[in-house]
Amino acid sequence: MPCQLCDRPVADLTDHHLVPRQYSKRRRQDPGPTIQLCPPCHKQIHTLFDNATLARELNTLEKLQCHPQIQAFVRWVRKQRPDKRVRSYR
């Protein structure tokens, strides 16, 4: 299955909660929907944005895909081999 952000075929995908769990756990709410991301995309999202921003502004796959910083990262990471270790930068 490919990463839902960069569309690369990666063996190990991670669950990314569109609304960070810290915001639903406190209120004992359902953690909400998740998307499947490769580790580099998941790590880059959490490097660039704090949980408050993710919960308030970037809480759908479409909003993440439209953000300029994510678009730049996705353009770059799509050129990388799926097995390559990728560092995250602000």
PDB file of N, CA and C in Angstrom:
ATOM      1  N   MET A   1       0.850  -1.181   0.000  1.00  0.00           N
ATOM      2  CA  MET A   1       0.000   0.000   0.000  1.00  0.00           C
ATOM      3  C   MET A   1       0.898   1.247   0.000  1.00  0.00           C
ATOM      4  N   PRO A   2       0.580   2.220  -0.815  1.00  0.00           N
ATOM      5  CA  PRO A   2       1.418   3.428  -0.862  1.00  0.00           C
ATOM      6  C   PRO A   2       1.071   4.420   0.258  1.00  0.00           C
ATOM      7  N   CYS A   3       2.015   5.277   0.539  1.00  0.00           N
ATOM      8  CA  CYS A   3       1.801   6.386   1.480  1.00  0.00           C
ATOM      9  C   CYS A   3       0.713   7.284   0.900  1.00  0.00           C
ATOM     10  N   GLN A   4      -0.209   7.719   1.727  1.00  0.00           N
ATOM     11  CA  GLN A   4      -1.301   8.550   1.239  1.00  0.00           C
ATOM     12  C   GLN A   4      -0.886   9.991   0.956  1.00  0.00           C
ATOM     13  N   LEU A   5       0.309  10.371   1.359  1.00  0.00           N
ATOM     14  CA  LEU A   5       0.774  11.737   1.101  1.00  0.00           C
ATOM     15  C   LEU A   5       1.714  11.777  -0.113  1.00  0.00           C
ATOM     16  N   CYS A   6       2.748  10.944  -0.102  1.00  0.00           N
ATOM     17  CA  CYS A   6       3.725  10.989  -1.196  1.00  0.00           C
ATOM     18  C   CYS A   6       3.487   9.928  -2.261  1.00  0.00           C
ATOM     19  N   ASP A   7       2.618   8.974  -1.971  1.00  0.00           N
ATOM     20  CA  ASP A   7       2.238   7.932  -2.920  1.00  0.00           C
ATOM     21  C   ASP A   7       3.378   6.971  -3.250  1.00  0.00           C
ATOM     22  N   ARG A   8       4.399   6.915  -2.397  1.00  0.00           N
ATOM     23  CA  ARG A   8       5.487   5.953  -2.620  1.00  0.00           C
ATOM     24  C   ARG A   8       5.097   4.604  -2.029  1.00  0.00           C
ATOM     25  N   PRO A   9       5.461   3.496  -2.673  1.00  0.00           N
ATOM     26  CA  PRO A   9       5.181   2.172  -2.109  1.00  0.00           C
ATOM     27  C   PRO A   9       6.202   1.847  -1.018  1.00  0.00           C
ATOM     28  N   VAL A  10       5.778   1.894   0.224  1.00  0.00           N
ATOM     29  CA  VAL A  10       6.671   1.667   1.361  1.00  0.00           C
ATOM     30  C   VAL A  10       6.120   0.498   2.172  1.00  0.00           C
ATOM     31  N   ALA A  11       7.011  -0.355   2.655  1.00  0.00           N
ATOM     32  CA  ALA A  11       6.586  -1.555   3.380  1.00  0.00           C
ATOM     33  C   ALA A  11       5.933  -1.217   4.723  1.00  0.00           C
ATOM     34  N   ASP A  12       6.517  -0.318   5.476  1.00  0.00           N
ATOM     35  CA  ASP A  12       6.021  -0.010   6.819  1.00  0.00           C
ATOM     36  C   ASP A  12       5.363   1.357   6.852  1.00  0.00           C
ATOM     37  N   LEU A  13       4.040   1.367   6.877  1.00  0.00           N
ATOM     38  CA  LEU A  13       3.305   2.627   6.990  1.00  0.00           C
ATOM     39  C   LEU A  13       2.895   2.849   8.442  1.00  0.00           C
ATOM     40  N   THR A  14       2.735   4.108   8.809  1.00  0.00           N
ATOM     41  CA  THR A  14       2.328   4.451  10.174  1.00  0.00           C
ATOM     42  C   THR A  14       0.981   5.156  10.133  1.00  0.00           C
ATOM     43  N   ASP A  15       0.240   5.065  11.240  1.00  0.00           N
ATOM     44  CA  ASP A  15      -1.039   5.762  11.354  1.00  0.00           C
ATOM     45  C   ASP A  15      -0.792   7.188  11.822  1.00  0.00           C
ATOM     46  N   HIS A  16      -1.325   8.140  11.087  1.00  0.00           N
ATOM     47  CA  HIS A  16      -1.268   9.541  11.496  1.00  0.00           C
ATOM     48  C   HIS A  16      -2.677   9.970  11.849  1.00  0.00           C
ATOM     49  N   HIS A  17      -2.893  10.359  13.105  1.00  0.00           N
ATOM     50  CA  HIS A  17      -4.195  10.856  13.535  1.00  0.00           C
ATOM     51  C   HIS A  17      -4.362  12.277  13.009  1.00  0.00           C
ATOM     52  N   LEU A  18      -5.414  12.507  12.251  1.00  0.00           N
ATOM     53  CA  LEU A  18      -5.629  13.833  11.672  1.00  0.00           C
ATOM     54  C   LEU A  18      -5.884  14.880  12.744  1.00  0.00           C
ATOM     55  N   VAL A  19      -6.527  14.495  13.835  1.00  0.00           N
ATOM     56  CA  VAL A  19      -6.625  15.346  15.023  1.00  0.00           C
ATOM     57  C   VAL A  19      -5.763  14.656  16.072  1.00  0.00           C
ATOM     58  N   PRO A  20      -4.661  15.285  16.497  1.00  0.00           N
ATOM     59  CA  PRO A  20      -3.748  14.631  17.437  1.00  0.00           C
ATOM     60  C   PRO A  20      -4.476  14.043  18.643  1.00  0.00           C
ATOM     61  N   ARG A  21      -4.035  12.877  19.059  1.00  0.00           N
ATOM     62  CA  ARG A  21      -4.692  12.154  20.147  1.00  0.00           C
ATOM     63  C   ARG A  21      -4.753  12.954  21.430  1.00  0.00           C
ATOM     64  N   GLN A  22      -3.807  13.834  21.658  1.00  0.00           N
ATOM     65  CA  GLN A  22      -3.823  14.614  22.895  1.00  0.00           C
ATOM     66  C   GLN A  22      -5.105  15.444  23.002  1.00  0.00           C
ATOM     67  N   TYR A  23      -5.706  15.810  21.865  1.00  0.00           N
ATOM     68  CA  TYR A  23      -6.918  16.622  21.889  1.00  0.00           C
ATOM     69  C   TYR A  23      -8.188  15.789  22.070  1.00  0.00           C
ATOM     70  N   SER A  24      -8.152  14.526  21.692  1.00  0.00           N
ATOM     71  CA  SER A  24      -9.337  13.684  21.873  1.00  0.00           C
ATOM     72  C   SER A  24      -9.252  12.864  23.158  1.00  0.00           C
ATOM     73  N   LYS A  25      -8.055  12.512  23.568  1.00  0.00           N
ATOM     74  CA  LYS A  25      -7.856  11.678  24.760  1.00  0.00           C
ATOM     75  C   LYS A  25      -8.333  12.399  26.020  1.00  0.00           C
ATOM     76  N   ARG A  26      -8.020  13.682  26.138  1.00  0.00           N
ATOM     77  CA  ARG A  26      -8.418  14.451  27.316  1.00  0.00           C
ATOM     78  C   ARG A  26      -9.931  14.484  27.489  1.00  0.00           C
ATOM     79  N   ARG A  27     -10.626  14.550  26.371  1.00  0.00           N
ATOM     80  CA  ARG A  27     -12.092  14.660  26.409  1.00  0.00           C
ATOM     81  C   ARG A  27     -12.767  13.296  26.293  1.00  0.00           C
ATOM     82  N   ARG A  28     -11.981  12.243  26.312  1.00  0.00           N
ATOM     83  CA  ARG A  28     -12.464  10.864  26.178  1.00  0.00           C
ATOM     84  C   ARG A  28     -13.313  10.680  24.924  1.00  0.00           C
ATOM     85  N   GLN A  29     -12.849  11.283  23.850  1.00  0.00           N
ATOM     86  CA  GLN A  29     -13.534  11.179  22.566  1.00  0.00           C
ATOM     87  C   GLN A  29     -12.856  10.138  21.694  1.00  0.00           C
ATOM     88  N   ASP A  30     -13.571   9.728  20.666  1.00  0.00           N
ATOM     89  CA  ASP A  30     -13.004   8.847  19.659  1.00  0.00           C
ATOM     90  C   ASP A  30     -11.811   9.570  19.029  1.00  0.00           C
ATOM     91  N   PRO A  31     -10.668   8.898  18.857  1.00  0.00           N
ATOM     92  CA  PRO A  31      -9.491   9.577  18.303  1.00  0.00           C
ATOM     93  C   PRO A  31      -9.672  10.063  16.870  1.00  0.00           C
ATOM     94  N   GLY A  32     -10.727   9.638  16.203  1.00  0.00           N
ATOM     95  CA  GLY A  32     -11.004  10.157  14.871  1.00  0.00           C
ATOM     96  C   GLY A  32     -10.252   9.423  13.777  1.00  0.00           C
ATOM     97  N   PRO A  33     -10.373   9.922  12.559  1.00  0.00           N
ATOM     98  CA  PRO A  33      -9.787   9.242  11.405  1.00  0.00           C
ATOM     99  C   PRO A  33      -8.265   9.333  11.380  1.00  0.00           C
ATOM    100  N   THR A  34      -7.688   8.332  10.724  1.00  0.00           N
ATOM    101  CA  THR A  34      -6.237   8.304  10.530  1.00  0.00           C
ATOM    102  C   THR A  34      -5.955   8.139   9.046  1.00  0.00           C
ATOM    103  N   ILE A  35      -4.732   8.477   8.668  1.00  0.00           N
ATOM    104  CA  ILE A  35      -4.251   8.213   7.316  1.00  0.00           C
ATOM    105  C   ILE A  35      -2.969   7.409   7.443  1.00  0.00           C
ATOM    106  N   GLN A  36      -2.632   6.671   6.400  1.00  0.00           N
ATOM    107  CA  GLN A  36      -1.442   5.838   6.374  1.00  0.00           C
ATOM    108  C   GLN A  36      -0.311   6.599   5.702  1.00  0.00           C
ATOM    109  N   LEU A  37       0.763   6.832   6.464  1.00  0.00           N
ATOM    110  CA  LEU A  37       1.907   7.581   5.953  1.00  0.00           C
ATOM    111  C   LEU A  37       3.193   6.787   6.090  1.00  0.00           C
ATOM    112  N   CYS A  38       4.122   7.046   5.191  1.00  0.00           N
ATOM    113  CA  CYS A  38       5.464   6.479   5.345  1.00  0.00           C
ATOM    114  C   CYS A  38       6.145   7.232   6.481  1.00  0.00           C
ATOM    115  N   PRO A  39       7.129   6.620   7.142  1.00  0.00           N
ATOM    116  CA  PRO A  39       7.797   7.307   8.254  1.00  0.00           C
ATOM    117  C   PRO A  39       8.380   8.682   7.910  1.00  0.00           C
ATOM    118  N   PRO A  40       9.009   8.885   6.735  1.00  0.00           N
ATOM    119  CA  PRO A  40       9.523  10.234   6.452  1.00  0.00           C
ATOM    120  C   PRO A  40       8.435  11.305   6.381  1.00  0.00           C
ATOM    121  N   CYS A  41       7.310  11.001   5.741  1.00  0.00           N
ATOM    122  CA  CYS A  41       6.218  11.990   5.659  1.00  0.00           C
ATOM    123  C   CYS A  41       5.643  12.261   7.047  1.00  0.00           C
ATOM    124  N   HIS A  42       5.458  11.206   7.824  1.00  0.00           N
ATOM    125  CA  HIS A  42       4.895  11.369   9.164  1.00  0.00           C
ATOM    126  C   HIS A  42       5.813  12.227  10.035  1.00  0.00           C
ATOM    127  N   LYS A  43       7.100  11.917   9.971  1.00  0.00           N
ATOM    128  CA  LYS A  43       8.061  12.671  10.777  1.00  0.00           C
ATOM    129  C   LYS A  43       8.139  14.133  10.322  1.00  0.00           C
ATOM    130  N   GLN A  44       8.080  14.375   9.033  1.00  0.00           N
ATOM    131  CA  GLN A  44       8.160  15.748   8.523  1.00  0.00           C
ATOM    132  C   GLN A  44       6.966  16.574   8.982  1.00  0.00           C
ATOM    133  N   ILE A  45       5.785  15.993   8.980  1.00  0.00           N
ATOM    134  CA  ILE A  45       4.591  16.703   9.450  1.00  0.00           C
ATOM    135  C   ILE A  45       4.786  17.154  10.884  1.00  0.00           C
ATOM    136  N   HIS A  46       5.261  16.240  11.745  1.00  0.00           N
ATOM    137  CA  HIS A  46       5.420  16.587  13.154  1.00  0.00           C
ATOM    138  C   HIS A  46       6.642  17.471  13.407  1.00  0.00           C
ATOM    139  N   THR A  47       7.576  17.515  12.475  1.00  0.00           N
ATOM    140  CA  THR A  47       8.706  18.430  12.583  1.00  0.00           C
ATOM    141  C   THR A  47       8.263  19.851  12.247  1.00  0.00           C
ATOM    142  N   LEU A  48       7.428  19.974  11.244  1.00  0.00           N
ATOM    143  CA  LEU A  48       7.016  21.302  10.785  1.00  0.00           C
ATOM    144  C   LEU A  48       5.931  21.949  11.637  1.00  0.00           C
ATOM    145  N   PHE A  49       5.019  21.143  12.194  1.00  0.00           N
ATOM    146  CA  PHE A  49       3.829  21.700  12.837  1.00  0.00           C
ATOM    147  C   PHE A  49       3.634  21.142  14.241  1.00  0.00           C
ATOM    148  N   ASP A  50       3.196  22.013  15.149  1.00  0.00           N
ATOM    149  CA  ASP A  50       2.854  21.520  16.486  1.00  0.00           C
ATOM    150  C   ASP A  50       1.442  20.929  16.454  1.00  0.00           C
ATOM    151  N   ASN A  51       1.086  20.217  17.522  1.00  0.00           N
ATOM    152  CA  ASN A  51      -0.205  19.532  17.577  1.00  0.00           C
ATOM    153  C   ASN A  51      -1.386  20.496  17.502  1.00  0.00           C
ATOM    154  N   ALA A  52      -1.242  21.678  18.070  1.00  0.00           N
ATOM    155  CA  ALA A  52      -2.337  22.654  18.022  1.00  0.00           C
ATOM    156  C   ALA A  52      -2.630  23.067  16.583  1.00  0.00           C
ATOM    157  N   THR A  53      -1.591  23.299  15.802  1.00  0.00           N
ATOM    158  CA  THR A  53      -1.765  23.671  14.398  1.00  0.00           C
ATOM    159  C   THR A  53      -2.370  22.518  13.606  1.00  0.00           C
ATOM    160  N   LEU A  54      -1.900  21.311  13.879  1.00  0.00           N
ATOM    161  CA  LEU A  54      -2.450  20.148  13.186  1.00  0.00           C
ATOM    162  C   LEU A  54      -3.930  19.981  13.496  1.00  0.00           C
ATOM    163  N   ALA A  55      -4.309  20.138  14.754  1.00  0.00           N
ATOM    164  CA  ALA A  55      -5.710  19.963  15.150  1.00  0.00           C
ATOM    165  C   ALA A  55      -6.598  21.058  14.576  1.00  0.00           C
ATOM    166  N   ARG A  56      -6.094  22.284  14.550  1.00  0.00           N
ATOM    167  CA  ARG A  56      -6.904  23.434  14.171  1.00  0.00           C
ATOM    168  C   ARG A  56      -6.946  23.656  12.654  1.00  0.00           C
ATOM    169  N   GLU A  57      -5.794  23.519  11.983  1.00  0.00           N
ATOM    170  CA  GLU A  57      -5.701  23.940  10.578  1.00  0.00           C
ATOM    171  C   GLU A  57      -5.437  22.823   9.570  1.00  0.00           C
ATOM    172  N   LEU A  58      -4.765  21.779   9.993  1.00  0.00           N
ATOM    173  CA  LEU A  58      -4.342  20.738   9.045  1.00  0.00           C
ATOM    174  C   LEU A  58      -4.936  19.384   9.428  1.00  0.00           C
ATOM    175  N   ASN A  59      -6.250  19.346   9.596  1.00  0.00           N
ATOM    176  CA  ASN A  59      -6.895  18.152  10.134  1.00  0.00           C
ATOM    177  C   ASN A  59      -7.576  17.273   9.083  1.00  0.00           C
ATOM    178  N   THR A  60      -7.202  17.453   7.811  1.00  0.00           N
ATOM    179  CA  THR A  60      -7.656  16.554   6.750  1.00  0.00           C
ATOM    180  C   THR A  60      -6.480  16.274   5.818  1.00  0.00           C
ATOM    181  N   LEU A  61      -6.573  15.187   5.088  1.00  0.00           N
ATOM    182  CA  LEU A  61      -5.535  14.858   4.117  1.00  0.00           C
ATOM    183  C   LEU A  61      -5.430  15.956   3.063  1.00  0.00           C
ATOM    184  N   GLU A  62      -6.557  16.490   2.623  1.00  0.00           N
ATOM    185  CA  GLU A  62      -6.561  17.525   1.597  1.00  0.00           C
ATOM    186  C   GLU A  62      -5.848  18.795   2.068  1.00  0.00           C
ATOM    187  N   LYS A  63      -6.079  19.177   3.314  1.00  0.00           N
ATOM    188  CA  LYS A  63      -5.411  20.374   3.851  1.00  0.00           C
ATOM    189  C   LYS A  63      -3.907  20.156   3.953  1.00  0.00           C
ATOM    190  N   LEU A  64      -3.486  18.961   4.354  1.00  0.00           N
ATOM    191  CA  LEU A  64      -2.056  18.653   4.407  1.00  0.00           C
ATOM    192  C   LEU A  64      -1.455  18.718   3.000  1.00  0.00           C
ATOM    193  N   GLN A  65      -2.138  18.128   2.033  1.00  0.00           N
ATOM    194  CA  GLN A  65      -1.628  18.095   0.661  1.00  0.00           C
ATOM    195  C   GLN A  65      -1.512  19.490   0.053  1.00  0.00           C
ATOM    196  N   CYS A  66      -2.330  20.420   0.507  1.00  0.00           N
ATOM    197  CA  CYS A  66      -2.324  21.780  -0.052  1.00  0.00           C
ATOM    198  C   CYS A  66      -1.322  22.717   0.608  1.00  0.00           C
ATOM    199  N   HIS A  67      -0.755  22.317   1.741  1.00  0.00           N
ATOM    200  CA  HIS A  67       0.168  23.199   2.447  1.00  0.00           C
ATOM    201  C   HIS A  67       1.488  23.298   1.669  1.00  0.00           C
ATOM    202  N   PRO A  68       1.991  24.508   1.423  1.00  0.00           N
ATOM    203  CA  PRO A  68       3.204  24.697   0.599  1.00  0.00           C
ATOM    204  C   PRO A  68       4.440  23.950   1.122  1.00  0.00           C
ATOM    205  N   GLN A  69       4.647  23.934   2.428  1.00  0.00           N
ATOM    206  CA  GLN A  69       5.825  23.236   2.959  1.00  0.00           C
ATOM    207  C   GLN A  69       5.718  21.728   2.749  1.00  0.00           C
ATOM    208  N   ILE A  70       4.524  21.191   2.874  1.00  0.00           N
ATOM    209  CA  ILE A  70       4.326  19.759   2.643  1.00  0.00           C
ATOM    210  C   ILE A  70       4.470  19.453   1.153  1.00  0.00           C
ATOM    211  N   GLN A  71       3.949  20.312   0.315  1.00  0.00           N
ATOM    212  CA  GLN A  71       4.077  20.106  -1.128  1.00  0.00           C
ATOM    213  C   GLN A  71       5.541  20.058  -1.546  1.00  0.00           C
ATOM    214  N   ALA A  72       6.348  20.950  -1.005  1.00  0.00           N
ATOM    215  CA  ALA A  72       7.779  20.973  -1.335  1.00  0.00           C
ATOM    216  C   ALA A  72       8.450  19.683  -0.869  1.00  0.00           C
ATOM    217  N   PHE A  73       8.132  19.241   0.347  1.00  0.00           N
ATOM    218  CA  PHE A  73       8.721  18.001   0.860  1.00  0.00           C
ATOM    219  C   PHE A  73       8.292  16.813   0.007  1.00  0.00           C
ATOM    220  N   VAL A  74       7.017  16.742  -0.337  1.00  0.00           N
ATOM    221  CA  VAL A  74       6.509  15.614  -1.124  1.00  0.00           C
ATOM    222  C   VAL A  74       7.170  15.578  -2.502  1.00  0.00           C
ATOM    223  N   ARG A  75       7.345  16.725  -3.131  1.00  0.00           N
ATOM    224  CA  ARG A  75       8.037  16.773  -4.430  1.00  0.00           C
ATOM    225  C   ARG A  75       9.438  16.175  -4.305  1.00  0.00           C
ATOM    226  N   TRP A  76      10.127  16.498  -3.217  1.00  0.00           N
ATOM    227  CA  TRP A  76      11.483  16.003  -3.011  1.00  0.00           C
ATOM    228  C   TRP A  76      11.490  14.514  -2.653  1.00  0.00           C
ATOM    229  N   VAL A  77      10.633  14.117  -1.715  1.00  0.00           N
ATOM    230  CA  VAL A  77      10.685  12.743  -1.218  1.00  0.00           C
ATOM    231  C   VAL A  77      10.241  11.732  -2.277  1.00  0.00           C
ATOM    232  N   ARG A  78       9.413  12.142  -3.206  1.00  0.00           N
ATOM    233  CA  ARG A  78       8.993  11.235  -4.280  1.00  0.00           C
ATOM    234  C   ARG A  78      10.171  10.788  -5.144  1.00  0.00           C
ATOM    235  N   LYS A  79      11.233  11.569  -5.165  1.00  0.00           N
ATOM    236  CA  LYS A  79      12.422  11.235  -5.952  1.00  0.00           C
ATOM    237  C   LYS A  79      13.359  10.291  -5.210  1.00  0.00           C
ATOM    238  N   GLN A  80      13.097  10.048  -3.930  1.00  0.00           N
ATOM    239  CA  GLN A  80      13.970   9.222  -3.100  1.00  0.00           C
ATOM    240  C   GLN A  80      13.542   7.752  -3.174  1.00  0.00           C
ATOM    241  N   ARG A  81      14.523   6.870  -3.017  1.00  0.00           N
ATOM    242  CA  ARG A  81      14.206   5.441  -2.950  1.00  0.00           C
ATOM    243  C   ARG A  81      13.358   5.168  -1.704  1.00  0.00           C
ATOM    244  N   PRO A  82      12.388   4.272  -1.777  1.00  0.00           N
ATOM    245  CA  PRO A  82      11.541   3.982  -0.619  1.00  0.00           C
ATOM    246  C   PRO A  82      12.307   3.455   0.599  1.00  0.00           C
ATOM    247  N   ASP A  83      13.460   2.825   0.378  1.00  0.00           N
ATOM    248  CA  ASP A  83      14.216   2.272   1.502  1.00  0.00           C
ATOM    249  C   ASP A  83      15.267   3.242   2.061  1.00  0.00           C
ATOM    250  N   LYS A  84      15.381   4.424   1.480  1.00  0.00           N
ATOM    251  CA  LYS A  84      16.376   5.405   1.925  1.00  0.00           C
ATOM    252  C   LYS A  84      15.939   6.061   3.235  1.00  0.00           C
ATOM    253  N   ARG A  85      16.884   6.231   4.145  1.00  0.00           N
ATOM    254  CA  ARG A  85      16.599   6.973   5.384  1.00  0.00           C
ATOM    255  C   ARG A  85      16.562   8.452   5.049  1.00  0.00           C
ATOM    256  N   VAL A  86      15.520   9.114   5.515  1.00  0.00           N
ATOM    257  CA  VAL A  86      15.320  10.516   5.187  1.00  0.00           C
ATOM    258  C   VAL A  86      15.310  11.329   6.478  1.00  0.00           C
ATOM    259  N   ARG A  87      16.064  12.413   6.479  1.00  0.00           N
ATOM    260  CA  ARG A  87      16.080  13.302   7.641  1.00  0.00           C
ATOM    261  C   ARG A  87      14.994  14.370   7.508  1.00  0.00           C
ATOM    262  N   SER A  88      14.546  14.852   8.644  1.00  0.00           N
ATOM    263  CA  SER A  88      13.527  15.904   8.644  1.00  0.00           C
ATOM    264  C   SER A  88      14.184  17.242   8.983  1.00  0.00           C
ATOM    265  N   TYR A  89      13.794  18.262   8.239  1.00  0.00           N
ATOM    266  CA  TYR A  89      14.319  19.611   8.473  1.00  0.00           C
ATOM    267  C   TYR A  89      13.173  20.597   8.509  1.00  0.00           C
ATOM    268  N   ARG A  90      13.325  21.632   9.282  1.00  0.00           N
ATOM    269  CA  ARG A  90      12.325  22.704   9.326  1.00  0.00           C
ATOM    270  C   ARG A  90      12.474  23.597   8.114  1.00  0.00           C
TER     271      ARG A  90
END
